């Protein structure tokens, strides 16, 4: 960076339909796991900011839930509000799609994009293309769908062209000093990150066995010297779901807790004592008081 080049800082919304790889892209850009990933759609339920500080810019990424057009429950309405609020507050928008796939849900998001802000189309999952020659016609097609400031093909899973994407985003940020320290990677609290890591393990280990209606509530998060003592409750909708989470002789629940604890210790840089229970709360996704308690109010 030349001495005369201005430093740029700004907020960047990452939007797209469910399961296009938004959280994976955020984690790859930031270089750490700050947003959970799984094969299940609707994994991300809340706004999470990841921070990438470069020599010439600080990029503050806002990861959002996939916008829900098919379901009208209280939880999904809450998730959709997160998307629209995020779009209203940022300097740049990344619309993430899958290579060679642009659905009606993708097109519906175009109508939500804010006027007067640069929108970059990020074509993800290019590593899955059997013939990369198909990418150019798809880029040409997408350039006629919307007036994108830039179109950048990437593979978030493999890291291909992610550095190029970061450089491109930086050019569109406003000139202003950094808002966070160079070593900070998220503004989310450790308590929130603990919740997310447990949820990730829940989705990853149980795959398609567990319905989407499950959540995690941190009951206690205290520092005992250098040790973090965390008590968490996994909330499910039915008694049968509880049996799935607990598993034979408690083995599934133990595996979830162990894997989550290992990730927490790596992310927090210290020892963690984690206790996890499972409770049944029928209809929790339509319970406004519980939704507020879980951060979806």
Protein backbone atom coordinates (compact mmCIF):
# COMPACT_ATOMS: atom_id res chain seq x y z
CA UNK A 1 0.00 0.00 0.00
CA UNK A 2 1.38 3.42 -0.90
CA UNK A 3 1.65 6.07 1.83
CA UNK A 4 -0.96 8.24 0.11
CA UNK A 5 -3.58 5.48 -0.26
CA UNK A 6 -6.58 6.11 2.02
CA UNK A 7 -7.63 3.56 4.64
CA UNK A 8 -11.18 2.28 4.19
CA UNK A 9 -13.60 0.76 6.70
CA UNK A 10 -17.19 -0.32 6.26
CA UNK A 11 -19.94 -2.87 6.84
CA UNK A 12 -20.58 -5.60 4.27
CA UNK A 13 -23.81 -7.63 4.28
CA UNK A 14 -23.62 -11.23 3.10
CA UNK A 15 -27.06 -12.24 1.79
CA UNK A 16 -28.48 -15.10 -0.22
CA UNK A 17 -30.97 -17.91 -0.04
CA UNK A 18 -30.44 -20.72 2.42
CA UNK A 19 -27.46 -23.04 2.03
CA UNK A 20 -25.52 -21.16 -0.65
CA UNK A 21 -22.44 -21.03 1.59
CA UNK A 22 -22.70 -17.60 3.25
CA UNK A 23 -21.33 -18.75 6.61
CA UNK A 24 -18.52 -20.72 4.97
CA UNK A 25 -17.60 -17.62 2.97
CA UNK A 26 -17.59 -15.43 6.09
CA UNK A 27 -15.36 -17.87 7.96
CA UNK A 28 -12.97 -18.10 5.01
CA UNK A 29 -12.73 -14.31 4.68
CA UNK A 30 -12.13 -13.79 8.40
CA UNK A 31 -9.81 -16.79 8.72
CA UNK A 32 -11.60 -18.22 11.79
CA UNK A 33 -14.90 -19.90 12.54
CA UNK A 34 -17.21 -17.05 13.62
CA UNK A 35 -20.37 -18.39 11.95
CA UNK A 36 -21.60 -21.96 12.11
CA UNK A 37 -21.96 -24.14 9.04
CA UNK A 38 -23.93 -27.28 8.27
CA UNK A 39 -25.70 -29.00 5.41
CA UNK A 40 -29.05 -27.98 6.90
CA UNK A 41 -30.73 -24.86 5.52
CA UNK A 42 -31.54 -22.00 7.92
CA UNK A 43 -28.50 -22.73 10.11
CA UNK A 44 -27.72 -19.05 10.71
CA UNK A 45 -30.53 -17.35 12.65
CA UNK A 46 -28.95 -14.12 13.82
CA UNK A 47 -26.70 -11.38 12.54
CA UNK A 48 -23.02 -12.13 13.16
CA UNK A 49 -20.20 -9.74 12.35
CA UNK A 50 -16.81 -11.02 11.33
CA UNK A 51 -13.89 -8.62 11.10
CA UNK A 52 -11.12 -8.73 8.49
CA UNK A 53 -8.35 -6.14 8.88
CA UNK A 54 -6.03 -5.64 5.91
CA UNK A 55 -3.20 -3.18 5.30
CA UNK A 56 -5.55 -0.86 3.42
CA UNK A 57 -9.00 -1.62 4.87
CA UNK A 58 -11.13 -3.10 7.64
CA UNK A 59 -14.07 -5.15 6.40
CA UNK A 60 -16.90 -5.71 8.88
CA UNK A 61 -18.95 -8.63 7.58
CA UNK A 62 -22.59 -9.13 8.50
CA UNK A 63 -23.74 -12.73 8.02
CA UNK A 64 -27.52 -13.07 7.75
CA UNK A 65 -30.05 -15.91 7.72
CA UNK A 66 -31.18 -17.17 4.34
CA UNK A 67 -34.33 -15.20 3.53
CA UNK A 68 -37.41 -17.36 4.02
CA UNK A 69 -40.16 -17.13 1.41
CA UNK A 70 -41.91 -20.44 2.08
CA UNK A 71 -42.58 -20.40 5.84
CA UNK A 72 -44.43 -17.82 7.90
CA UNK A 73 -43.72 -18.85 11.49
CA UNK A 74 -42.58 -16.42 14.20
CA UNK A 75 -38.99 -17.68 14.01
CA UNK A 76 -38.80 -17.24 10.23
CA UNK A 77 -40.38 -13.76 10.44
CA UNK A 78 -37.70 -12.85 12.98
CA UNK A 79 -34.99 -14.17 10.66
CA UNK A 80 -36.36 -12.16 7.72
CA UNK A 81 -36.32 -8.97 9.80
CA UNK A 82 -32.62 -9.56 10.44
CA UNK A 83 -31.99 -9.64 6.68
CA UNK A 84 -33.86 -6.41 5.89
CA UNK A 85 -32.30 -4.55 8.84
CA UNK A 86 -28.82 -5.68 7.83
CA UNK A 87 -29.32 -4.42 4.27
CA UNK A 88 -30.41 -1.00 5.52
CA UNK A 89 -27.26 -0.47 7.59
CA UNK A 90 -24.35 -1.53 5.39
CA UNK A 91 -21.99 0.06 2.86
CA UNK A 92 -21.68 -2.91 0.49
CA UNK A 93 -23.88 -5.94 -0.19
CA UNK A 94 -22.61 -9.37 -1.27
CA UNK A 95 -25.33 -11.44 -2.93
CA UNK A 96 -24.14 -15.05 -2.82
CA UNK A 97 -25.43 -17.57 -5.36
CA UNK A 98 -24.37 -21.04 -6.46
CA UNK A 99 -22.51 -21.53 -9.73
CA UNK A 100 -24.92 -22.14 -12.63
CA UNK A 101 -27.95 -21.89 -10.37
CA UNK A 102 -30.21 -18.84 -10.07
CA UNK A 103 -33.62 -19.72 -8.67
CA UNK A 104 -36.84 -17.83 -8.00
CA UNK A 105 -35.68 -17.43 -4.40
CA UNK A 106 -32.46 -15.79 -5.61
CA UNK A 107 -34.46 -13.46 -7.86
CA UNK A 108 -36.80 -12.53 -4.99
CA UNK A 109 -33.77 -11.24 -3.06
CA UNK A 110 -32.96 -8.80 -5.87
CA UNK A 111 -36.10 -6.87 -4.93
CA UNK A 112 -34.80 -6.42 -1.36
CA UNK A 113 -31.41 -5.00 -2.32
CA UNK A 114 -31.00 -1.39 -1.18
CA UNK A 115 -30.74 1.43 -3.71
CA UNK A 116 -27.60 3.54 -3.74
CA UNK A 117 -25.26 0.85 -2.41
CA UNK A 118 -22.86 -1.27 -4.46
CA UNK A 119 -23.97 -4.89 -4.80
CA UNK A 120 -21.34 -7.51 -5.64
CA UNK A 121 -22.53 -10.86 -6.96
CA UNK A 122 -20.47 -13.69 -5.47
CA UNK A 123 -20.84 -16.90 -7.47
CA UNK A 124 -19.91 -19.61 -4.96
CA UNK A 125 -19.15 -23.34 -5.23
CA UNK A 126 -17.17 -23.00 -8.46
CA UNK A 127 -15.11 -26.01 -7.34
CA UNK A 128 -18.15 -28.20 -8.01
CA UNK A 129 -18.28 -27.31 -11.72
CA UNK A 130 -17.55 -30.22 -14.03
CA UNK A 131 -16.82 -27.79 -16.88
CA UNK A 132 -15.59 -24.30 -15.99
CA UNK A 133 -16.37 -23.11 -19.52
CA UNK A 134 -20.01 -22.96 -18.44
CA UNK A 135 -19.17 -20.19 -15.98
CA UNK A 136 -18.74 -17.40 -18.54
CA UNK A 137 -22.24 -17.76 -20.05
CA UNK A 138 -23.67 -17.82 -16.51
CA UNK A 139 -21.79 -14.62 -15.62
CA UNK A 140 -23.14 -12.99 -18.80
CA UNK A 141 -26.68 -14.06 -17.88
CA UNK A 142 -26.33 -12.71 -14.34
CA UNK A 143 -25.01 -9.35 -15.58
CA UNK A 144 -28.38 -8.85 -17.30
CA UNK A 145 -30.40 -9.72 -14.16
CA UNK A 146 -29.21 -6.76 -12.10
CA UNK A 147 -26.72 -3.90 -12.26
CA UNK A 148 -24.04 -5.53 -10.11
CA UNK A 149 -20.97 -3.44 -9.29
CA UNK A 150 -18.81 -6.56 -9.69
CA UNK A 151 -19.27 -10.28 -10.31
CA UNK A 152 -16.70 -12.48 -8.55
CA UNK A 153 -16.67 -16.31 -8.86
CA UNK A 154 -15.22 -18.06 -5.78
CA UNK A 155 -15.06 -21.31 -3.90
CA UNK A 156 -15.53 -20.55 -0.21
CA UNK A 157 -14.95 -24.20 0.69
CA UNK A 158 -11.59 -24.34 -1.11
CA UNK A 159 -10.59 -20.69 -0.68
CA UNK A 160 -10.33 -20.06 -4.42
CA UNK A 161 -10.43 -16.31 -5.32
CA UNK A 162 -11.47 -15.30 -1.78
CA UNK A 163 -8.46 -12.98 -1.49
CA UNK A 164 -9.45 -11.35 -4.79
CA UNK A 165 -12.97 -10.88 -3.40
CA UNK A 166 -11.60 -9.15 -0.27
CA UNK A 167 -9.54 -6.76 -2.41
CA UNK A 168 -12.56 -5.99 -4.58
CA UNK A 169 -14.82 -5.27 -1.61
CA UNK A 170 -12.21 -2.93 -0.09
CA UNK A 171 -12.42 -0.59 -3.08
CA UNK A 172 -16.09 0.13 -2.38
CA UNK A 173 -15.78 0.97 1.33
CA UNK A 174 -15.83 4.56 2.62
CA UNK A 175 -12.60 6.26 3.62
CA UNK A 176 -12.39 6.17 7.41
CA UNK A 177 -10.17 4.71 10.14
CA UNK A 178 -10.56 1.19 11.53
CA UNK A 179 -13.31 0.67 14.12
CA UNK A 180 -11.75 -2.42 15.75
CA UNK A 181 -8.29 -3.59 16.71
CA UNK A 182 -6.28 -5.45 14.08
CA UNK A 183 -6.45 -8.70 16.10
CA UNK A 184 -10.24 -8.70 16.60
CA UNK A 185 -12.22 -11.11 14.41
CA UNK A 186 -15.81 -10.65 15.67
CA UNK A 187 -17.95 -8.37 17.81
CA UNK A 188 -20.04 -11.32 18.96
CA UNK A 189 -19.69 -12.24 22.63
CA UNK A 190 -18.10 -15.51 23.76
CA UNK A 191 -21.48 -16.47 25.21
CA UNK A 192 -23.09 -16.12 21.78
CA UNK A 193 -20.25 -17.98 20.05
CA UNK A 194 -20.61 -20.84 22.56
CA UNK A 195 -24.29 -21.10 21.62
CA UNK A 196 -23.44 -21.22 17.93
CA UNK A 197 -20.76 -23.90 18.31
CA UNK A 198 -23.14 -26.21 20.20
CA UNK A 199 -25.81 -25.68 17.54
CA UNK A 200 -23.33 -26.51 14.81
CA UNK A 201 -22.41 -29.81 16.43
CA UNK A 202 -26.10 -30.57 16.92
CA UNK A 203 -26.75 -30.17 13.19
CA UNK A 204 -23.55 -31.81 12.00
CA UNK A 205 -23.70 -34.93 14.18
CA UNK A 206 -27.41 -35.62 13.83
CA UNK A 207 -27.69 -34.82 10.12
CA UNK A 208 -31.25 -35.34 8.90
CA UNK A 209 -32.39 -37.16 12.05
CA UNK A 210 -33.22 -34.03 14.03
CA UNK A 211 -35.88 -31.64 12.73
CA UNK A 212 -35.02 -27.98 12.42
CA UNK A 213 -37.03 -27.07 15.53
CA UNK A 214 -34.15 -27.14 18.02
CA UNK A 215 -32.22 -24.36 19.75
CA UNK A 216 -29.51 -23.78 22.35
CA UNK A 217 -29.78 -21.62 25.46
CA UNK A 218 -26.72 -20.74 27.58
CA UNK A 219 -27.90 -20.93 31.20
CA UNK A 220 -24.54 -19.97 32.76
CA UNK A 221 -21.26 -18.55 31.45
CA UNK A 222 -18.78 -17.62 34.17
CA UNK A 223 -15.01 -17.24 34.42
CA UNK A 224 -13.37 -19.30 37.17
CA UNK A 225 -9.84 -17.95 36.97
CA UNK A 226 -8.74 -18.90 33.44
CA UNK A 227 -11.44 -21.60 33.19
CA UNK A 228 -14.75 -20.89 31.45
CA UNK A 229 -17.66 -22.74 33.09
CA UNK A 230 -20.58 -23.04 30.68
CA UNK A 231 -23.99 -24.65 31.27
CA UNK A 232 -26.16 -25.02 28.17
CA UNK A 233 -29.59 -26.42 27.36
CA UNK A 234 -30.60 -27.84 24.00
CA UNK A 235 -34.30 -27.11 23.44
CA UNK A 236 -36.32 -29.49 21.28
CA UNK A 237 -39.97 -29.60 20.29
CA UNK A 238 -40.90 -33.21 21.15
CA UNK A 239 -39.93 -35.96 23.57
CA UNK A 240 -38.89 -38.14 20.63
CA UNK A 241 -36.45 -35.40 19.54
CA UNK A 242 -34.89 -35.47 23.00
CA UNK A 243 -34.18 -39.17 22.58
CA UNK A 244 -32.41 -38.47 19.28
CA UNK A 245 -30.18 -35.81 20.85
CA UNK A 246 -29.34 -37.85 23.96
CA UNK A 247 -28.70 -41.06 22.02
CA UNK A 248 -28.04 -44.54 23.40
CA UNK A 249 -26.72 -44.31 26.97
CA UNK A 250 -26.23 -40.56 26.45
CA UNK A 251 -23.55 -41.13 23.82
CA UNK A 252 -24.85 -38.65 21.25
CA UNK A 253 -25.17 -35.82 23.74
CA UNK A 254 -21.67 -36.52 25.08
CA UNK A 255 -20.25 -36.39 21.53
CA UNK A 256 -22.00 -33.06 20.84
CA UNK A 257 -20.68 -31.54 24.07
CA UNK A 258 -17.14 -32.86 23.59
CA UNK A 259 -16.78 -31.58 20.02
CA UNK A 260 -18.29 -28.20 20.96
CA UNK A 261 -15.94 -27.87 23.96
CA UNK A 262 -12.86 -28.60 21.82
CA UNK A 263 -13.89 -25.89 19.31
CA UNK A 264 -14.59 -23.42 22.14
CA UNK A 265 -11.17 -23.98 23.69
CA UNK A 266 -9.53 -23.38 20.34
CA UNK A 267 -11.54 -20.23 19.63
CA UNK A 268 -11.37 -18.77 23.16
CA UNK A 269 -7.76 -19.75 23.77
CA UNK A 270 -8.39 -21.38 27.16
CA UNK A 271 -9.90 -24.32 29.01
CA UNK A 272 -13.69 -24.81 29.04
CA UNK A 273 -15.86 -26.91 31.38
CA UNK A 274 -19.08 -27.52 29.45
CA UNK A 275 -22.27 -29.15 30.76
CA UNK A 276 -25.15 -29.72 28.31
CA UNK A 277 -28.73 -30.83 29.00
CA UNK A 278 -31.78 -31.39 26.78
CA UNK A 279 -35.26 -30.01 27.52
CA UNK A 280 -38.56 -30.40 25.66
CA UNK A 281 -40.51 -27.17 25.03
CA UNK A 282 -43.31 -27.87 22.58
CA UNK A 283 -44.08 -25.07 20.13
CA UNK A 284 -41.04 -22.99 21.11
CA UNK A 285 -40.75 -21.45 17.63
CA UNK A 286 -44.12 -19.73 18.18
CA UNK A 287 -43.42 -18.66 21.79
CA UNK A 288 -42.51 -14.92 21.74
CA UNK A 289 -41.10 -14.93 25.28
CA UNK A 290 -38.80 -17.88 24.59
CA UNK A 291 -37.79 -16.46 21.20
CA UNK A 292 -36.72 -13.23 22.93
CA UNK A 293 -34.77 -15.25 25.50
CA UNK A 294 -33.00 -17.03 22.64
CA UNK A 295 -32.20 -13.71 20.96
CA UNK A 296 -34.83 -13.83 18.21
CA UNK A 297 -37.09 -11.11 19.58
